[in-house]
Amino acid sequence: MALKAVHVSDVPNLDQVPQNASLSLYPTRFCTGLEVNKTGFRIPKFVVIGHRGKGMNELQSTDLRMRAIKENSITSFNSAATYPIDFVEFDVQVTKDDCPVIFHDNFIVSEDNGTIYEKRVTELCLAEFLCYGPQKEAGKMGKSLLRKTKDGKLVYWNVETDDSLCTLQEAFQQVEPSLGFNIELKFDDHIVYQNEFLIRVIQAIFQVVFENAKDRPIIFSTFQPDAAQLVRKLQSTYPVFFLTNGGTEIFYDVRRNSLEEAIKVCLEAGLQGIVSEVKGILRNPGAVAKIKESKLSLLTYGKLNNVPEAVYMQHLMGIDGVIVDLVKEITEAVTDMIKPPMVEEEQSLSEGEGKMEVKTRPQFSQREISFLLKLIPELIQL
């Protein structure tokens, strides 16, 4: 299925875009952020984005930070907002009664009287979706919530700080308004979607965004190439990024299998950027220059983004920002390594005061950077 044959005139009209919608591209948390002008789209500074809020949940991890706060929740988003990040990234799906909800997995897994069952999120109505996990009403118990791991094991979704499931509208209404939203449109990799379904999902999400975004900065992203193209065709207010594994996984749709294909998708559809698995970039660092030459922005995601040195290396490579789980640690590292170091000053007002402590960022020559770029692909297992 290709959306090249779909014309905007064939798509039902969207609600009117607010007159001040373009202001939503300018974050109020920082003096610089996303900028759109007649020559295109750019990210003028290195951005840090919280993955599913303050970090995804890895329920079998021995690292307690990976199961501290329920991912994709209002609590997680607002906790992330207490750190100097620019955006939170989260996954949006649409229920069968057309309500955009925030949830990563394609299926909700639960247990009832010893029987395990799972239901596809998009086949639930909103009331059914919200009945799982903690409930907003005091004293009310929701249905149990389990999660299936990549190796097929079932684990209870136990975290230190739990929270109820939420809708996209609730996120707009209850999350710190200056915090940007990277809205990932979530689809099942194993389904070939019809145009009508994609249009219905996108319009439901647009309705909530345009009614609630106000001045909040927004980025749309998705792994689904046809959906990415359609999101771009149906609105020009917010930037659209194409998500890719960068060749680290192989899919039936060849457009998802390399950075080169991702560039083609973006250029053909007029998208503004790429979000790649960081290993895909580090295995093929030459792709960064090609992406920049194509006037596309580049963000990355992946576990390596929780390593400060890997984040700093990406800054040196010209990557525009990172999606991270360890929000506290990485924002501190970015402050120490990327932002200009403090000017050392003498404290001489009174006896006993010395020089201010100065943290300096690592210094590399261009020759050393070139060597590291050649070495990195060998360090990342192919």
Protein backbone atom coordinates (compact mmCIF):
# COMPACT_ATOMS: atom_id res chain seq x y z
CA MET A 1 0.00 0.00 0.00
CA ALA A 2 1.38 3.40 -0.96
CA LEU A 3 -0.05 6.75 0.00
CA LYS A 4 1.44 8.49 -3.02
CA ALA A 5 -1.92 8.09 -4.72
CA VAL A 6 -3.77 9.77 -1.85
CA HIS A 7 -4.65 13.41 -2.42
CA VAL A 8 -5.35 15.85 0.37
CA SER A 9 -8.55 16.81 -1.39
CA ASP A 10 -9.76 13.25 -0.85
CA VAL A 11 -9.31 13.51 2.90
CA PRO A 12 -12.09 14.86 5.14
CA ASN A 13 -11.47 18.44 6.28
CA LEU A 14 -9.58 18.93 9.52
CA ASP A 15 -10.61 21.35 12.22
CA GLN A 16 -9.30 24.86 11.67
CA VAL A 17 -5.73 25.38 12.87
CA PRO A 18 -5.47 28.08 15.57
CA GLN A 19 -4.11 31.39 14.33
CA ASN A 20 -1.27 31.28 16.85
CA ALA A 21 -0.36 27.63 16.22
CA SER A 22 3.05 28.53 14.82
CA LEU A 23 4.00 29.83 18.25
CA SER A 24 3.90 26.24 19.45
CA LEU A 25 7.26 25.71 17.78
CA TYR A 26 9.00 27.89 20.32
CA PRO A 27 9.61 26.30 23.73
CA THR A 28 9.28 28.60 26.72
CA ARG A 29 11.56 26.47 28.91
CA PHE A 30 14.62 27.71 27.05
CA CYS A 31 15.52 30.81 25.08
CA THR A 32 16.15 28.72 21.97
CA GLY A 33 14.35 25.74 20.55
CA LEU A 34 12.65 24.57 17.40
CA GLU A 35 12.53 27.15 14.65
CA VAL A 36 10.60 27.15 11.41
CA ASN A 37 11.13 29.77 8.75
CA LYS A 38 10.83 30.16 5.00
CA THR A 39 14.04 28.23 4.39
CA GLY A 40 12.98 25.21 6.43
CA PHE A 41 13.15 23.69 9.88
CA ARG A 42 16.07 23.59 12.27
CA ILE A 43 16.95 22.73 15.86
CA PRO A 44 19.44 25.42 16.91
CA LYS A 45 20.70 23.66 20.03
CA PHE A 46 21.38 20.17 21.32
CA VAL A 47 18.11 18.87 22.82
CA VAL A 48 17.47 16.19 25.42
CA ILE A 49 14.15 14.33 25.26
CA GLY A 50 12.78 12.11 28.03
CA HIS A 51 11.86 8.64 26.73
CA ARG A 52 8.23 7.89 27.63
CA GLY A 53 8.60 10.62 30.23
CA LYS A 54 11.35 10.11 32.80
CA GLY A 55 12.35 6.81 31.18
CA MET A 56 10.93 3.55 29.90
CA ASN A 57 10.14 0.65 32.26
CA GLU A 58 12.34 -2.44 32.11
CA LEU A 59 10.59 -4.58 34.69
CA GLN A 60 13.26 -7.28 34.79
CA SER A 61 16.17 -4.87 35.07
CA THR A 62 18.36 -4.85 38.15
CA ASP A 63 18.69 -1.09 37.66
CA LEU A 64 15.98 0.32 39.93
CA ARG A 65 15.91 3.53 37.91
CA MET A 66 14.29 1.61 35.04
CA ARG A 67 11.25 0.77 37.16
CA ALA A 68 11.02 3.84 39.37
CA ILE A 69 8.01 5.60 37.76
CA LYS A 70 5.29 4.22 35.46
CA GLU A 71 6.27 5.10 31.89
CA ASN A 72 3.94 7.12 29.65
CA SER A 73 2.13 8.58 32.65
CA ILE A 74 1.32 12.08 33.86
CA THR A 75 3.54 11.50 36.90
CA SER A 76 6.47 10.47 34.69
CA PHE A 77 6.05 13.47 32.39
CA ASN A 78 5.90 15.98 35.23
CA SER A 79 8.82 14.34 37.00
CA ALA A 80 10.87 14.68 33.82
CA ALA A 81 9.83 18.33 33.60
CA THR A 82 11.72 19.10 36.82
CA TYR A 83 14.98 18.61 34.89
CA PRO A 84 16.33 20.83 32.08
CA ILE A 85 14.93 18.75 29.22
CA ASP A 86 13.24 20.10 26.12
CA PHE A 87 10.64 17.41 25.35
CA VAL A 88 9.13 14.18 26.56
CA GLU A 89 8.54 11.45 23.98
CA PHE A 90 5.49 9.21 24.27
CA ASP A 91 3.43 6.73 22.25
CA VAL A 92 -0.10 7.50 21.10
CA GLN A 93 -2.69 5.01 19.88
CA VAL A 94 -6.38 5.58 19.15
CA THR A 95 -9.15 3.51 20.73
CA LYS A 96 -12.01 2.12 18.69
CA ASP A 97 -14.18 5.06 19.83
CA ASP A 98 -11.60 7.52 18.45
CA CYS A 99 -9.88 8.67 21.63
CA PRO A 100 -6.06 9.11 21.51
CA VAL A 101 -4.47 7.37 24.50
CA ILE A 102 -0.86 7.09 25.64
CA PHE A 103 0.45 3.53 25.74
CA HIS A 104 3.46 1.84 24.16
CA ASP A 105 2.57 -1.83 23.72
CA ASN A 106 0.15 -3.01 21.05
CA PHE A 107 -1.63 -5.25 23.56
CA ILE A 108 -2.78 -4.83 27.15
CA VAL A 109 -2.09 -7.97 29.16
CA SER A 110 -4.04 -8.82 32.29
CA GLU A 111 -4.92 -11.70 34.60
CA ASP A 112 -8.36 -12.74 35.80
CA ASN A 113 -8.79 -15.64 38.23
CA GLY A 114 -5.51 -17.18 37.13
CA THR A 115 -6.23 -16.79 33.40
CA ILE A 116 -3.97 -14.57 31.32
CA TYR A 117 -5.56 -12.67 28.47
CA GLU A 118 -4.51 -9.86 26.19
CA LYS A 119 -6.46 -7.31 24.17
CA ARG A 120 -5.31 -5.02 21.38
CA VAL A 121 -5.40 -1.38 22.53
CA THR A 122 -6.99 -0.16 19.30
CA GLU A 123 -9.85 -2.64 19.73
CA LEU A 124 -10.81 -1.29 23.16
CA CYS A 125 -13.12 1.63 23.82
CA LEU A 126 -11.77 4.36 26.10
CA ALA A 127 -13.64 3.15 29.20
CA GLU A 128 -12.23 -0.36 28.75
CA PHE A 129 -8.68 0.98 28.30
CA LEU A 130 -8.81 3.11 31.44
CA CYS A 131 -10.04 0.26 33.66
CA TYR A 132 -6.55 -1.34 33.74
CA GLY A 133 -4.00 -0.50 36.43
CA PRO A 134 -4.37 2.13 39.18
CA GLN A 135 -7.60 4.10 39.11
CA LYS A 136 -8.12 7.82 39.65
CA GLU A 137 -11.08 7.27 41.97
CA ALA A 138 -10.01 6.72 45.57
CA GLY A 139 -10.58 3.17 46.75
CA LYS A 140 -11.35 1.83 43.29
CA MET A 141 -9.28 -1.11 42.06
CA GLY A 142 -8.45 -1.53 38.40
CA LYS A 143 -7.76 -4.71 36.50
CA SER A 144 -4.27 -6.15 36.89
CA LEU A 145 -1.68 -4.98 34.39
CA LEU A 146 1.07 -7.30 33.16
CA ARG A 147 3.66 -6.91 30.44
CA LYS A 148 5.06 -9.35 27.92
CA THR A 149 8.83 -9.09 27.50
CA LYS A 150 10.61 -9.44 24.16
CA ASP A 151 11.41 -13.06 24.96
CA GLY A 152 7.73 -13.81 25.62
CA LYS A 153 7.81 -13.86 29.43
CA LEU A 154 5.00 -12.29 31.41
CA VAL A 155 5.83 -10.02 34.35
CA TYR A 156 3.64 -7.92 36.61
CA TRP A 157 3.94 -4.21 35.85
CA ASN A 158 5.28 -3.31 39.28
CA VAL A 159 7.03 0.04 39.67
CA GLU A 160 8.00 2.11 42.69
CA THR A 161 5.68 5.00 41.74
CA ASP A 162 2.60 3.85 39.85
CA ASP A 163 0.04 5.96 38.01
CA SER A 164 -3.15 5.50 36.04
CA LEU A 165 -3.30 5.19 32.26
CA CYS A 166 -4.01 8.47 30.52
CA THR A 167 -5.29 10.10 27.37
CA LEU A 168 -3.48 12.56 25.13
CA GLN A 169 -5.89 15.29 26.17
CA GLU A 170 -5.09 14.70 29.85
CA ALA A 171 -1.39 15.04 29.07
CA PHE A 172 -1.99 18.45 27.49
CA GLN A 173 -4.12 19.54 30.44
CA GLN A 174 -2.02 18.21 33.33
CA VAL A 175 1.63 18.33 32.23
CA GLU A 176 3.86 21.37 32.71
CA PRO A 177 2.79 23.58 29.74
CA SER A 178 6.28 24.67 28.71
CA LEU A 179 7.45 21.07 28.22
CA GLY A 180 7.53 20.00 24.57
CA PHE A 181 5.75 16.85 23.37
CA ASN A 182 7.34 14.42 20.91
CA ILE A 183 4.19 12.54 19.90
CA GLU A 184 4.98 9.16 18.37
CA LEU A 185 2.10 7.70 16.38
CA LYS A 186 2.25 4.05 17.34
CA PHE A 187 1.35 1.27 14.90
CA ASP A 188 1.85 -2.50 14.84
CA ASP A 189 4.88 -3.52 12.75
CA HIS A 190 3.07 -6.68 11.64
CA ILE A 191 -0.01 -5.03 10.15
CA VAL A 192 -0.42 -3.49 6.70
CA TYR A 193 -2.76 -0.58 7.35
CA GLN A 194 -5.41 0.70 4.98
CA ASN A 195 -5.51 4.41 4.16
CA GLU A 196 -8.87 4.85 5.84
CA PHE A 197 -7.55 3.57 9.17
CA LEU A 198 -4.46 5.81 9.07
CA ILE A 199 -6.57 8.85 8.23
CA ARG A 200 -9.00 8.14 11.07
CA VAL A 201 -6.17 7.76 13.60
CA ILE A 202 -4.32 10.86 12.45
CA GLN A 203 -7.43 13.04 12.44
CA ALA A 204 -8.35 11.94 15.97
CA ILE A 205 -4.86 12.89 17.18
CA PHE A 206 -4.88 16.19 15.27
CA GLN A 207 -8.18 17.19 16.85
CA VAL A 208 -6.75 16.86 20.36
CA VAL A 209 -3.45 18.53 19.46
CA PHE A 210 -4.94 21.58 17.72
CA GLU A 211 -7.52 22.11 20.44
CA ASN A 212 -5.06 21.84 23.32
CA ALA A 213 -1.47 22.56 22.22
CA LYS A 214 -1.57 26.37 22.63
CA ASP A 215 2.10 27.44 22.87
CA ARG A 216 3.50 23.98 23.66
CA PRO A 217 6.20 22.83 21.19
CA ILE A 218 5.21 19.67 19.29
CA ILE A 219 7.09 17.14 17.15
CA PHE A 220 5.29 14.28 15.42
CA SER A 221 7.17 11.03 14.72
CA THR A 222 6.37 7.50 13.60
CA PHE A 223 8.02 4.33 12.27
CA GLN A 224 5.13 3.91 9.80
CA PRO A 225 6.29 5.56 6.54
CA ASP A 226 2.82 5.99 5.04
CA ALA A 227 1.53 7.57 8.25
CA ALA A 228 4.54 9.92 8.36
CA GLN A 229 3.81 11.07 4.82
CA LEU A 230 0.14 11.60 5.59
CA VAL A 231 0.81 13.54 8.80
CA ARG A 232 2.99 15.90 6.76
CA LYS A 233 0.41 16.24 3.96
CA LEU A 234 -2.43 17.07 6.31
CA GLN A 235 -0.75 19.80 8.34
CA SER A 236 2.21 22.17 8.10
CA THR A 237 2.18 23.59 11.62
CA TYR A 238 4.37 21.00 13.36
CA PRO A 239 7.51 19.17 12.18
CA VAL A 240 7.28 15.48 11.29
CA PHE A 241 10.19 13.08 11.88
CA PHE A 242 10.57 9.59 10.44
CA LEU A 243 11.61 6.96 12.98
CA THR A 244 14.02 4.26 11.83
CA ASN A 245 16.07 1.44 13.31
CA GLY A 246 18.81 2.56 10.95
CA GLY A 247 19.41 -0.96 9.65
CA THR A 248 19.79 -2.59 13.07
CA GLU A 249 16.62 -4.61 12.34
CA ILE A 250 15.17 -5.75 9.02
CA PHE A 251 11.50 -5.28 8.10
CA TYR A 252 9.31 -6.29 5.18
CA ASP A 253 8.95 -2.63 4.21
CA VAL A 254 12.35 -1.72 2.73
CA ARG A 255 11.81 1.95 3.60
CA ARG A 256 12.49 1.02 7.22
CA ASN A 257 15.75 -0.84 6.66
CA SER A 258 18.45 1.83 6.34
CA LEU A 259 19.31 5.45 6.91
CA GLU A 260 19.55 5.93 3.16
CA GLU A 261 15.94 4.80 2.78
CA ALA A 262 14.93 7.07 5.66
CA ILE A 263 16.46 10.04 3.86
CA LYS A 264 14.46 9.15 0.73
CA VAL A 265 11.22 8.95 2.72
CA CYS A 266 11.85 12.37 4.23
CA LEU A 267 12.81 14.09 1.00
CA GLU A 268 9.92 12.62 -0.99
CA ALA A 269 7.34 13.61 1.63
CA GLY A 270 8.86 16.89 2.78
CA LEU A 271 9.48 15.65 6.32
CA GLN A 272 11.71 17.67 8.62
CA GLY A 273 13.91 15.05 10.23
CA ILE A 274 14.95 11.53 11.18
CA VAL A 275 14.98 9.78 14.55
CA SER A 276 17.37 6.83 14.37
CA GLU A 277 18.43 4.07 16.71
CA VAL A 278 21.80 5.35 17.90
CA LYS A 279 23.62 2.16 16.91
CA GLY A 280 22.47 2.71 13.32
CA ILE A 281 24.24 6.09 13.36
CA LEU A 282 27.39 4.91 15.12
CA ARG A 283 27.76 1.98 12.72
CA ASN A 284 27.41 4.35 9.79
CA PRO A 285 28.68 7.78 10.95
CA GLY A 286 29.04 8.95 7.35
CA ALA A 287 25.24 9.08 7.16
CA VAL A 288 25.22 12.12 9.46
CA ALA A 289 26.78 14.29 6.75
CA LYS A 290 24.28 12.98 4.16
CA ILE A 291 21.38 13.77 6.47
CA LYS A 292 22.69 17.27 7.10
CA GLU A 293 23.32 17.84 3.39
CA SER A 294 19.66 16.95 2.87
CA LYS A 295 18.78 19.74 5.34
CA LEU A 296 17.18 17.27 7.73
CA SER A 297 17.40 17.33 11.51
CA LEU A 298 18.66 14.20 13.27
CA LEU A 299 17.73 12.80 16.68
CA THR A 300 18.61 9.40 18.13
CA TYR A 301 17.16 6.91 20.61
CA GLY A 302 18.45 3.72 22.22
CA LYS A 303 20.17 2.40 25.34
CA LEU A 304 23.53 3.88 24.38
CA ASN A 305 21.96 7.29 24.92
CA ASN A 306 22.08 6.56 28.64
CA VAL A 307 25.90 6.68 28.45
CA PRO A 308 27.15 10.28 28.82
CA GLU A 309 30.24 9.70 26.67
CA ALA A 310 28.08 8.35 23.83
CA VAL A 311 25.85 11.41 24.06
CA TYR A 312 28.83 13.75 23.95
CA MET A 313 30.24 11.93 20.94
CA GLN A 314 26.96 12.50 19.13
CA HIS A 315 27.14 16.19 19.95
CA LEU A 316 30.58 16.29 18.32
CA MET A 317 29.19 14.47 15.28
CA GLY A 318 26.57 17.17 14.73
CA ILE A 319 23.52 15.21 15.88
CA ASP A 320 20.75 17.54 17.06
CA GLY A 321 19.57 15.71 20.16
CA VAL A 322 18.97 12.47 22.05
CA ILE A 323 16.03 10.59 23.55
CA VAL A 324 17.08 9.18 26.91
CA ASP A 325 15.83 7.11 29.83
CA LEU A 326 18.18 8.42 32.53
CA VAL A 327 16.94 11.99 32.40
CA LYS A 328 18.69 13.20 35.56
CA GLU A 329 22.08 11.73 34.69
CA ILE A 330 22.12 12.76 31.03
CA THR A 331 20.89 16.31 31.60
CA GLU A 332 23.65 16.73 34.18
CA ALA A 333 26.21 15.33 31.73
CA VAL A 334 24.99 17.59 28.94
CA THR A 335 25.27 20.59 31.24
CA ASP A 336 28.83 19.64 32.22
CA MET A 337 30.14 18.57 28.82
CA ILE A 338 28.21 20.42 26.14
CA LYS A 339 27.23 23.79 27.51
CA PRO A 340 30.04 26.39 27.69
CA PRO A 341 32.10 25.87 30.87
CA MET A 342 31.92 28.48 33.61
CA VAL A 343 34.50 31.20 33.51
CA GLU A 344 36.91 30.71 36.38
CA GLU A 345 36.69 33.64 38.72
CA GLU A 346 38.61 34.67 41.79
CA GLN A 347 36.58 34.91 44.96
CA SER A 348 38.48 37.54 46.94
CA LEU A 349 35.77 39.27 48.92
CA SER A 350 36.75 37.56 52.15
CA GLU A 351 39.56 35.40 53.39
CA GLY A 352 39.07 31.68 52.89
CA GLU A 353 37.17 31.92 49.61
CA GLY A 354 38.92 30.30 46.69
CA LYS A 355 38.29 29.74 43.04
CA MET A 356 34.93 28.47 41.84
CA GLU A 357 34.89 24.80 40.95
CA VAL A 358 34.96 24.50 37.19
CA LYS A 359 33.93 21.43 35.23
CA THR A 360 35.50 21.43 31.81
CA ARG A 361 34.22 19.51 28.84
CA PRO A 362 36.50 17.01 27.08
CA GLN A 363 38.65 18.55 24.38
CA PHE A 364 39.26 16.71 21.09
CA SER A 365 41.18 17.84 18.05
CA GLN A 366 39.63 17.38 14.61
CA ARG A 367 42.16 14.60 13.99
CA GLU A 368 41.05 12.79 17.16
CA ILE A 369 37.38 13.19 16.24
CA SER A 370 38.05 11.74 12.78
CA PHE A 371 39.84 8.78 14.39
CA LEU A 372 36.94 8.17 16.78
CA LEU A 373 34.42 8.26 13.95
CA LYS A 374 36.42 5.61 12.09
CA LEU A 375 36.79 3.51 15.23
CA ILE A 376 33.17 3.60 16.45
CA PRO A 377 31.71 1.21 13.80
CA GLU A 378 34.21 -1.42 14.93
CA LEU A 379 33.32 -0.88 18.57
CA ILE A 380 29.61 -1.41 17.86
CA GLN A 381 29.01 -5.08 17.14
CA LEU A 382 27.64 -5.52 13.64
